[in-house]
Amino acid sequence: MPSLTQPETYRWSGGEYSLATLRVRVDELAERLGFRVDSWEEDGLGPARGAVLRLSTGKLILLQELVYLIESATNKGPCVWVDAADLAALGVTLLLHEVLGELGLDLQAVDQAQEPEAQAEAEKQARYAQGYFAERDGYQ
C-alpha cells in the first residue's frame, strides 16, 4: 500500500473541494494507516475531527468528520476534501480511485461522490483561487 504522510502545514493551490463522503470512520482509517486524528472547531458547523494527508503523489486530502453529521447519522464517515486544482486536472473518477487506493479502500467504501461535471466547477474555482493567491502574495 502506498505511504501517506501527515504534513504539519499545507496550502490548497486551488482551494479545497469536496470529492466524496466515505462509509468508513476516520478513526478506523487512522488505526489501520497510522495517522493522527486532530480535532478543531469548524466555523458555523461546530466540532470536527479528521486529518490532512499527503498522498504518495504529493496531492493533499482532508478527511473531515463534522460531529453533528456523524451523530445525526447523516454521514457514515468523513468527507474527503481535495485540492480543486487536482480535481480539475484529473476529474472525479481518476482522483477518487487514486484517493481510495492510497486509503486501501474500494468503491464500496464510498457513500456519496461528486458527479463528473464537478470537474468543470473545480477548474473555475482553482483558477479563481490561484489568481487570488497570486495577487495576495504579490506574484504576477
N, C-alpha and C. Protein backbone atom coordinates (compact mmCIF):
# COMPACT_ATOMS: atom_id res chain seq x y z
N MET A 1 0.85 -1.18 0.00
CA MET A 1 0.00 0.00 0.00
C MET A 1 0.90 1.25 0.00
N PRO A 2 0.59 2.24 -0.81
CA PRO A 2 1.41 3.45 -0.85
C PRO A 2 1.46 4.13 0.51
N SER A 3 2.55 4.89 0.74
CA SER A 3 2.69 5.54 2.04
C SER A 3 2.06 6.93 2.04
N LEU A 4 1.33 7.20 3.11
CA LEU A 4 0.72 8.51 3.34
C LEU A 4 1.56 9.23 4.38
N THR A 5 1.65 10.54 4.26
CA THR A 5 2.30 11.34 5.29
C THR A 5 1.30 12.37 5.78
N GLN A 6 1.59 12.92 6.94
CA GLN A 6 0.70 13.90 7.55
C GLN A 6 1.47 15.20 7.72
N PRO A 7 1.28 16.15 6.78
CA PRO A 7 2.05 17.40 6.85
C PRO A 7 1.60 18.26 8.03
N GLU A 8 2.54 18.97 8.61
CA GLU A 8 2.21 19.89 9.70
C GLU A 8 1.60 21.17 9.17
N THR A 9 2.03 21.59 7.99
CA THR A 9 1.45 22.76 7.33
C THR A 9 1.14 22.40 5.89
N TYR A 10 0.18 23.10 5.33
CA TYR A 10 -0.21 22.83 3.94
C TYR A 10 -0.97 24.02 3.41
N ARG A 11 -1.14 24.05 2.10
CA ARG A 11 -1.96 25.08 1.45
C ARG A 11 -2.54 24.49 0.18
N TRP A 12 -3.84 24.67 0.01
CA TRP A 12 -4.51 24.24 -1.22
C TRP A 12 -4.15 25.24 -2.31
N SER A 13 -3.64 24.79 -3.43
CA SER A 13 -3.29 25.73 -4.51
C SER A 13 -4.53 26.26 -5.21
N GLY A 14 -5.60 25.44 -5.25
CA GLY A 14 -6.82 25.85 -5.92
C GLY A 14 -8.02 25.91 -5.00
N GLY A 15 -7.79 25.88 -3.70
CA GLY A 15 -8.88 25.84 -2.73
C GLY A 15 -9.38 24.42 -2.54
N GLU A 16 -10.03 24.18 -1.41
CA GLU A 16 -10.50 22.83 -1.12
C GLU A 16 -11.83 22.58 -1.82
N TYR A 17 -12.04 21.33 -2.20
CA TYR A 17 -13.25 20.94 -2.93
C TYR A 17 -13.67 19.55 -2.45
N SER A 18 -14.93 19.38 -2.17
CA SER A 18 -15.44 18.10 -1.69
C SER A 18 -15.45 17.08 -2.84
N LEU A 19 -14.83 15.94 -2.60
CA LEU A 19 -14.79 14.87 -3.61
C LEU A 19 -15.81 13.77 -3.31
N ALA A 20 -15.88 13.36 -2.04
CA ALA A 20 -16.74 12.22 -1.70
C ALA A 20 -16.97 12.18 -0.19
N THR A 21 -17.93 11.36 0.20
CA THR A 21 -18.15 11.03 1.61
C THR A 21 -18.00 9.53 1.73
N LEU A 22 -17.27 9.11 2.76
CA LEU A 22 -16.98 7.69 2.94
C LEU A 22 -17.93 7.04 3.94
N ARG A 23 -17.99 5.71 3.88
CA ARG A 23 -18.76 4.91 4.83
C ARG A 23 -17.88 4.44 6.00
N VAL A 24 -16.59 4.69 5.93
CA VAL A 24 -15.62 4.21 6.91
C VAL A 24 -15.24 5.38 7.81
N ARG A 25 -15.30 5.20 9.12
CA ARG A 25 -14.99 6.27 10.06
C ARG A 25 -13.50 6.62 10.04
N VAL A 26 -13.21 7.86 10.34
CA VAL A 26 -11.84 8.35 10.30
C VAL A 26 -10.96 7.63 11.33
N ASP A 27 -11.53 7.27 12.49
CA ASP A 27 -10.75 6.54 13.50
C ASP A 27 -10.29 5.18 12.98
N GLU A 28 -11.16 4.51 12.24
CA GLU A 28 -10.80 3.20 11.67
C GLU A 28 -9.66 3.35 10.67
N LEU A 29 -9.75 4.36 9.82
CA LEU A 29 -8.68 4.61 8.85
C LEU A 29 -7.38 4.95 9.55
N ALA A 30 -7.45 5.79 10.58
CA ALA A 30 -6.25 6.19 11.31
C ALA A 30 -5.58 5.00 11.97
N GLU A 31 -6.38 4.13 12.55
CA GLU A 31 -5.82 2.95 13.20
C GLU A 31 -5.12 2.04 12.19
N ARG A 32 -5.76 1.86 11.05
CA ARG A 32 -5.21 0.98 10.02
C ARG A 32 -3.99 1.57 9.33
N LEU A 33 -4.01 2.91 9.09
CA LEU A 33 -2.97 3.55 8.30
C LEU A 33 -1.94 4.31 9.12
N GLY A 34 -2.18 4.47 10.42
CA GLY A 34 -1.18 5.06 11.31
C GLY A 34 -1.06 6.57 11.25
N PHE A 35 -2.16 7.27 11.09
CA PHE A 35 -2.07 8.73 11.14
C PHE A 35 -2.81 9.25 12.38
N ARG A 36 -2.53 10.49 12.73
CA ARG A 36 -3.11 11.16 13.89
C ARG A 36 -4.44 11.81 13.52
N VAL A 37 -5.44 11.65 14.36
CA VAL A 37 -6.73 12.32 14.17
C VAL A 37 -6.72 13.59 15.02
N ASP A 38 -6.95 14.72 14.38
CA ASP A 38 -7.00 16.01 15.07
C ASP A 38 -8.44 16.43 15.29
N SER A 39 -8.66 17.34 16.23
CA SER A 39 -9.98 17.91 16.49
C SER A 39 -9.88 19.42 16.36
N TRP A 40 -10.93 20.06 15.85
CA TRP A 40 -10.96 21.50 15.71
C TRP A 40 -12.40 21.96 15.65
N GLU A 41 -12.60 23.25 15.67
CA GLU A 41 -13.92 23.85 15.55
C GLU A 41 -14.04 24.41 14.14
N GLU A 42 -15.06 23.98 13.41
CA GLU A 42 -15.31 24.46 12.05
C GLU A 42 -16.33 25.60 12.16
N ASP A 43 -15.93 26.80 11.74
CA ASP A 43 -16.79 27.98 11.87
C ASP A 43 -18.20 27.71 11.38
N GLY A 44 -19.17 27.94 12.25
CA GLY A 44 -20.57 27.79 11.89
C GLY A 44 -21.08 26.36 11.83
N LEU A 45 -20.18 25.38 11.95
CA LEU A 45 -20.58 23.98 11.81
C LEU A 45 -20.29 23.15 13.05
N GLY A 46 -19.54 23.71 13.99
CA GLY A 46 -19.26 23.02 15.24
C GLY A 46 -18.00 22.17 15.20
N PRO A 47 -17.93 21.24 16.16
CA PRO A 47 -16.73 20.40 16.28
C PRO A 47 -16.51 19.51 15.05
N ALA A 48 -15.24 19.36 14.72
CA ALA A 48 -14.85 18.50 13.60
C ALA A 48 -13.65 17.67 14.02
N ARG A 49 -13.48 16.54 13.34
CA ARG A 49 -12.35 15.65 13.57
C ARG A 49 -11.84 15.18 12.23
N GLY A 50 -10.56 14.88 12.15
CA GLY A 50 -10.04 14.35 10.92
C GLY A 50 -8.55 14.53 10.79
N ALA A 51 -8.09 14.52 9.54
CA ALA A 51 -6.66 14.60 9.27
C ALA A 51 -6.41 15.10 7.85
N VAL A 52 -5.34 15.88 7.72
CA VAL A 52 -4.83 16.24 6.41
C VAL A 52 -3.73 15.24 6.09
N LEU A 53 -3.81 14.66 4.91
CA LEU A 53 -2.82 13.66 4.50
C LEU A 53 -2.25 14.02 3.14
N ARG A 54 -0.98 13.73 2.97
CA ARG A 54 -0.34 13.90 1.66
C ARG A 54 -0.19 12.51 1.05
N LEU A 55 -0.76 12.35 -0.13
CA LEU A 55 -0.66 11.08 -0.84
C LEU A 55 0.77 10.90 -1.36
N SER A 56 1.11 9.70 -1.76
CA SER A 56 2.46 9.43 -2.27
C SER A 56 2.76 10.25 -3.52
N THR A 57 1.72 10.71 -4.24
CA THR A 57 1.90 11.54 -5.43
C THR A 57 2.10 13.02 -5.09
N GLY A 58 1.96 13.36 -3.80
CA GLY A 58 2.10 14.74 -3.37
C GLY A 58 0.78 15.48 -3.22
N LYS A 59 -0.30 14.89 -3.69
CA LYS A 59 -1.61 15.54 -3.56
C LYS A 59 -2.05 15.52 -2.09
N LEU A 60 -2.79 16.56 -1.71
CA LEU A 60 -3.32 16.66 -0.37
C LEU A 60 -4.79 16.23 -0.33
N ILE A 61 -5.17 15.60 0.78
CA ILE A 61 -6.58 15.33 1.04
C ILE A 61 -6.86 15.71 2.50
N LEU A 62 -8.08 16.08 2.76
CA LEU A 62 -8.54 16.29 4.12
C LEU A 62 -9.69 15.33 4.36
N LEU A 63 -9.56 14.51 5.39
CA LEU A 63 -10.65 13.66 5.85
C LEU A 63 -11.29 14.41 7.00
N GLN A 64 -12.54 14.83 6.83
CA GLN A 64 -13.20 15.66 7.83
C GLN A 64 -14.55 15.08 8.24
N GLU A 65 -14.67 14.78 9.52
CA GLU A 65 -15.95 14.38 10.08
C GLU A 65 -16.49 15.54 10.90
N LEU A 66 -17.65 16.05 10.52
CA LEU A 66 -18.35 17.03 11.34
C LEU A 66 -19.17 16.25 12.36
N VAL A 67 -18.94 16.52 13.63
CA VAL A 67 -19.55 15.73 14.70
C VAL A 67 -21.06 15.68 14.57
N TYR A 68 -21.70 16.81 14.27
CA TYR A 68 -23.16 16.79 14.20
C TYR A 68 -23.67 15.91 13.06
N LEU A 69 -22.94 15.81 11.95
CA LEU A 69 -23.37 14.96 10.84
C LEU A 69 -23.22 13.48 11.17
N ILE A 70 -22.19 13.14 11.94
CA ILE A 70 -21.98 11.75 12.36
C ILE A 70 -23.03 11.38 13.41
N GLU A 71 -23.23 12.25 14.41
CA GLU A 71 -24.18 11.95 15.48
C GLU A 71 -25.62 11.85 14.98
N SER A 72 -25.96 12.61 13.95
CA SER A 72 -27.32 12.55 13.40
C SER A 72 -27.47 11.45 12.35
N ALA A 73 -26.40 10.72 12.09
CA ALA A 73 -26.37 9.64 11.09
C ALA A 73 -26.59 10.15 9.67
N THR A 74 -26.38 11.45 9.45
CA THR A 74 -26.45 12.00 8.10
C THR A 74 -25.27 11.49 7.28
N ASN A 75 -24.09 11.48 7.90
CA ASN A 75 -22.88 10.93 7.27
C ASN A 75 -22.44 9.70 8.05
N LYS A 76 -21.96 8.71 7.32
CA LYS A 76 -21.44 7.49 7.95
C LYS A 76 -19.96 7.61 8.27
N GLY A 77 -19.28 8.51 7.55
CA GLY A 77 -17.84 8.69 7.72
C GLY A 77 -17.43 10.07 7.25
N PRO A 78 -16.14 10.26 7.04
CA PRO A 78 -15.64 11.59 6.71
C PRO A 78 -15.92 12.01 5.27
N CYS A 79 -15.99 13.31 5.11
CA CYS A 79 -15.98 13.91 3.79
C CYS A 79 -14.52 13.97 3.35
N VAL A 80 -14.26 13.65 2.11
CA VAL A 80 -12.92 13.73 1.55
C VAL A 80 -12.83 15.03 0.74
N TRP A 81 -11.98 15.93 1.22
CA TRP A 81 -11.74 17.20 0.52
C TRP A 81 -10.42 17.08 -0.23
N VAL A 82 -10.39 17.62 -1.43
CA VAL A 82 -9.19 17.59 -2.27
C VAL A 82 -8.90 19.01 -2.75
N ASP A 83 -7.76 19.20 -3.36
CA ASP A 83 -7.45 20.48 -3.97
C ASP A 83 -8.23 20.59 -5.28
N ALA A 84 -8.94 21.70 -5.44
CA ALA A 84 -9.74 21.90 -6.66
C ALA A 84 -8.86 21.79 -7.91
N ALA A 85 -7.60 22.20 -7.81
CA ALA A 85 -6.69 22.10 -8.96
C ALA A 85 -6.45 20.65 -9.35
N ASP A 86 -6.35 19.77 -8.37
CA ASP A 86 -6.16 18.34 -8.66
C ASP A 86 -7.42 17.75 -9.30
N LEU A 87 -8.59 18.13 -8.77
CA LEU A 87 -9.83 17.64 -9.35
C LEU A 87 -10.02 18.16 -10.77
N ALA A 88 -9.65 19.42 -11.00
CA ALA A 88 -9.74 20.00 -12.34
C ALA A 88 -8.82 19.26 -13.32
N ALA A 89 -7.64 18.89 -12.86
CA ALA A 89 -6.66 18.24 -13.73
C ALA A 89 -7.02 16.78 -14.03
N LEU A 90 -7.52 16.06 -13.03
CA LEU A 90 -7.73 14.61 -13.19
C LEU A 90 -9.18 14.20 -13.43
N GLY A 91 -10.11 14.97 -12.93
CA GLY A 91 -11.51 14.56 -12.98
C GLY A 91 -11.87 13.72 -11.78
N VAL A 92 -13.16 13.56 -11.56
CA VAL A 92 -13.68 12.87 -10.37
C VAL A 92 -13.24 11.41 -10.33
N THR A 93 -13.42 10.69 -11.40
CA THR A 93 -13.17 9.24 -11.38
C THR A 93 -11.72 8.91 -11.10
N LEU A 94 -10.79 9.53 -11.82
CA LEU A 94 -9.37 9.22 -11.60
C LEU A 94 -8.89 9.63 -10.22
N LEU A 95 -9.30 10.83 -9.77
CA LEU A 95 -8.87 11.29 -8.46
C LEU A 95 -9.47 10.43 -7.35
N LEU A 96 -10.73 10.06 -7.48
CA LEU A 96 -11.36 9.22 -6.47
C LEU A 96 -10.66 7.87 -6.39
N HIS A 97 -10.33 7.27 -7.52
CA HIS A 97 -9.62 5.98 -7.50
C HIS A 97 -8.23 6.12 -6.87
N GLU A 98 -7.57 7.23 -7.14
CA GLU A 98 -6.24 7.44 -6.53
C GLU A 98 -6.36 7.55 -5.02
N VAL A 99 -7.31 8.35 -4.55
CA VAL A 99 -7.51 8.53 -3.10
C VAL A 99 -7.89 7.21 -2.44
N LEU A 100 -8.85 6.51 -3.01
CA LEU A 100 -9.27 5.24 -2.44
C LEU A 100 -8.13 4.24 -2.39
N GLY A 101 -7.34 4.17 -3.46
CA GLY A 101 -6.21 3.25 -3.49
C GLY A 101 -5.22 3.53 -2.37
N GLU A 102 -4.95 4.80 -2.14
CA GLU A 102 -3.98 5.15 -1.09
C GLU A 102 -4.55 4.91 0.30
N LEU A 103 -5.87 4.97 0.43
CA LEU A 103 -6.51 4.69 1.72
C LEU A 103 -6.79 3.20 1.91
N GLY A 104 -6.50 2.40 0.88
CA GLY A 104 -6.75 0.97 0.95
C GLY A 104 -8.23 0.63 0.91
N LEU A 105 -8.99 1.43 0.19
CA LEU A 105 -10.43 1.25 0.10
C LEU A 105 -10.85 0.99 -1.34
N ASP A 106 -12.08 0.47 -1.51
CA ASP A 106 -12.64 0.32 -2.85
C ASP A 106 -13.91 1.16 -2.95
N LEU A 107 -14.58 1.09 -4.08
CA LEU A 107 -15.77 1.92 -4.30
C LEU A 107 -16.90 1.61 -3.31
N GLN A 108 -16.90 0.42 -2.71
CA GLN A 108 -17.92 0.08 -1.73
C GLN A 108 -17.82 0.96 -0.48
N ALA A 109 -16.66 1.57 -0.25
CA ALA A 109 -16.46 2.43 0.91
C ALA A 109 -16.98 3.85 0.69
N VAL A 110 -17.45 4.14 -0.53
CA VAL A 110 -17.93 5.48 -0.86
C VAL A 110 -19.44 5.55 -0.64
N ASP A 111 -19.86 6.51 0.15
CA ASP A 111 -21.29 6.72 0.39
C ASP A 111 -21.86 7.65 -0.68
N GLN A 112 -21.16 8.75 -0.95
CA GLN A 112 -21.56 9.70 -1.98
C GLN A 112 -20.30 10.22 -2.66
N ALA A 113 -20.40 10.51 -3.94
CA ALA A 113 -19.27 11.08 -4.68
C ALA A 113 -19.78 12.17 -5.61
N GLN A 114 -18.91 13.10 -5.93
CA GLN A 114 -19.24 14.15 -6.88
C GLN A 114 -19.56 13.53 -8.24
N GLU A 115 -20.40 14.21 -8.97
CA GLU A 115 -20.68 13.83 -10.35
C GLU A 115 -19.50 14.27 -11.22
N PRO A 116 -19.29 13.64 -12.37
CA PRO A 116 -18.19 14.03 -13.25
C PRO A 116 -18.19 15.51 -13.63
N GLU A 117 -19.38 16.12 -13.66
CA GLU A 117 -19.47 17.54 -14.03
C GLU A 117 -18.78 18.45 -13.03
N ALA A 118 -18.48 17.96 -11.85
CA ALA A 118 -17.79 18.77 -10.84
C ALA A 118 -16.42 19.21 -11.31
N GLN A 119 -15.83 18.49 -12.26
CA GLN A 119 -14.50 18.85 -12.76
C GLN A 119 -14.49 20.27 -13.32
N ALA A 120 -15.51 20.65 -14.07
CA ALA A 120 -15.57 22.00 -14.66
C ALA A 120 -15.70 23.06 -13.57
N GLU A 121 -16.52 22.80 -12.56
CA GLU A 121 -16.67 23.76 -11.45
C GLU A 121 -15.37 23.88 -10.67
N ALA A 122 -14.70 22.75 -10.44
CA ALA A 122 -13.42 22.77 -9.73
C ALA A 122 -12.38 23.56 -10.52
N GLU A 123 -12.43 23.46 -11.85
CA GLU A 123 -11.49 24.21 -12.68
C GLU A 123 -11.70 25.72 -12.50
N LYS A 124 -12.96 26.15 -12.49
CA LYS A 124 -13.26 27.58 -12.26
C LYS A 124 -12.77 28.02 -10.89
N GLN A 125 -13.05 27.21 -9.88
CA GLN A 125 -12.63 27.55 -8.52
C GLN A 125 -11.12 27.63 -8.42
N ALA A 126 -10.43 26.68 -9.02
CA ALA A 126 -8.96 26.66 -8.95
C ALA A 126 -8.37 27.88 -9.64
N ARG A 127 -8.90 28.26 -10.80
CA ARG A 127 -8.40 29.46 -11.49
C ARG A 127 -8.59 30.70 -10.62
N TYR A 128 -9.77 30.82 -10.02
CA TYR A 128 -10.05 31.97 -9.16
C TYR A 128 -9.10 31.98 -7.96
N ALA A 129 -8.96 30.83 -7.27
CA ALA A 129 -8.10 30.75 -6.09
C ALA A 129 -6.65 31.04 -6.43
N GLN A 130 -6.17 30.49 -7.53
CA GLN A 130 -4.78 30.72 -7.91
C GLN A 130 -4.53 32.19 -8.23
N GLY A 131 -5.49 32.84 -8.88
CA GLY A 131 -5.37 34.27 -9.14
C GLY A 131 -5.40 35.08 -7.86
N TYR A 132 -6.28 34.70 -6.95
CA TYR A 132 -6.38 35.39 -5.66
C TYR A 132 -5.07 35.27 -4.88
N PHE A 133 -4.54 34.03 -4.78
CA PHE A 133 -3.30 33.82 -4.04
C PHE A 133 -2.14 34.58 -4.68
N ALA A 134 -2.08 34.59 -6.00
CA ALA A 134 -1.01 35.30 -6.70
C ALA A 134 -1.07 36.80 -6.40
N GLU A 135 -2.28 37.36 -6.45
CA GLU A 135 -2.43 38.78 -6.16
C GLU A 135 -2.12 39.08 -4.70
N ARG A 136 -2.65 38.27 -3.81
CA ARG A 136 -2.42 38.46 -2.37
C ARG A 136 -0.96 38.36 -1.99
N ASP A 137 -0.28 37.40 -2.60
CA ASP A 137 1.12 37.16 -2.26
C ASP A 137 2.08 37.98 -3.11
N GLY A 138 1.55 38.82 -4.01
CA GLY A 138 2.40 39.71 -4.79
C GLY A 138 3.04 39.09 -6.01
N TYR A 139 2.48 38.00 -6.52
CA TYR A 139 3.01 37.36 -7.73
C TYR A 139 2.16 37.78 -8.94
N GLN A 140 2.78 37.92 -10.05
CA GLN A 140 2.04 38.26 -11.28
C GLN A 140 2.31 37.24 -12.34
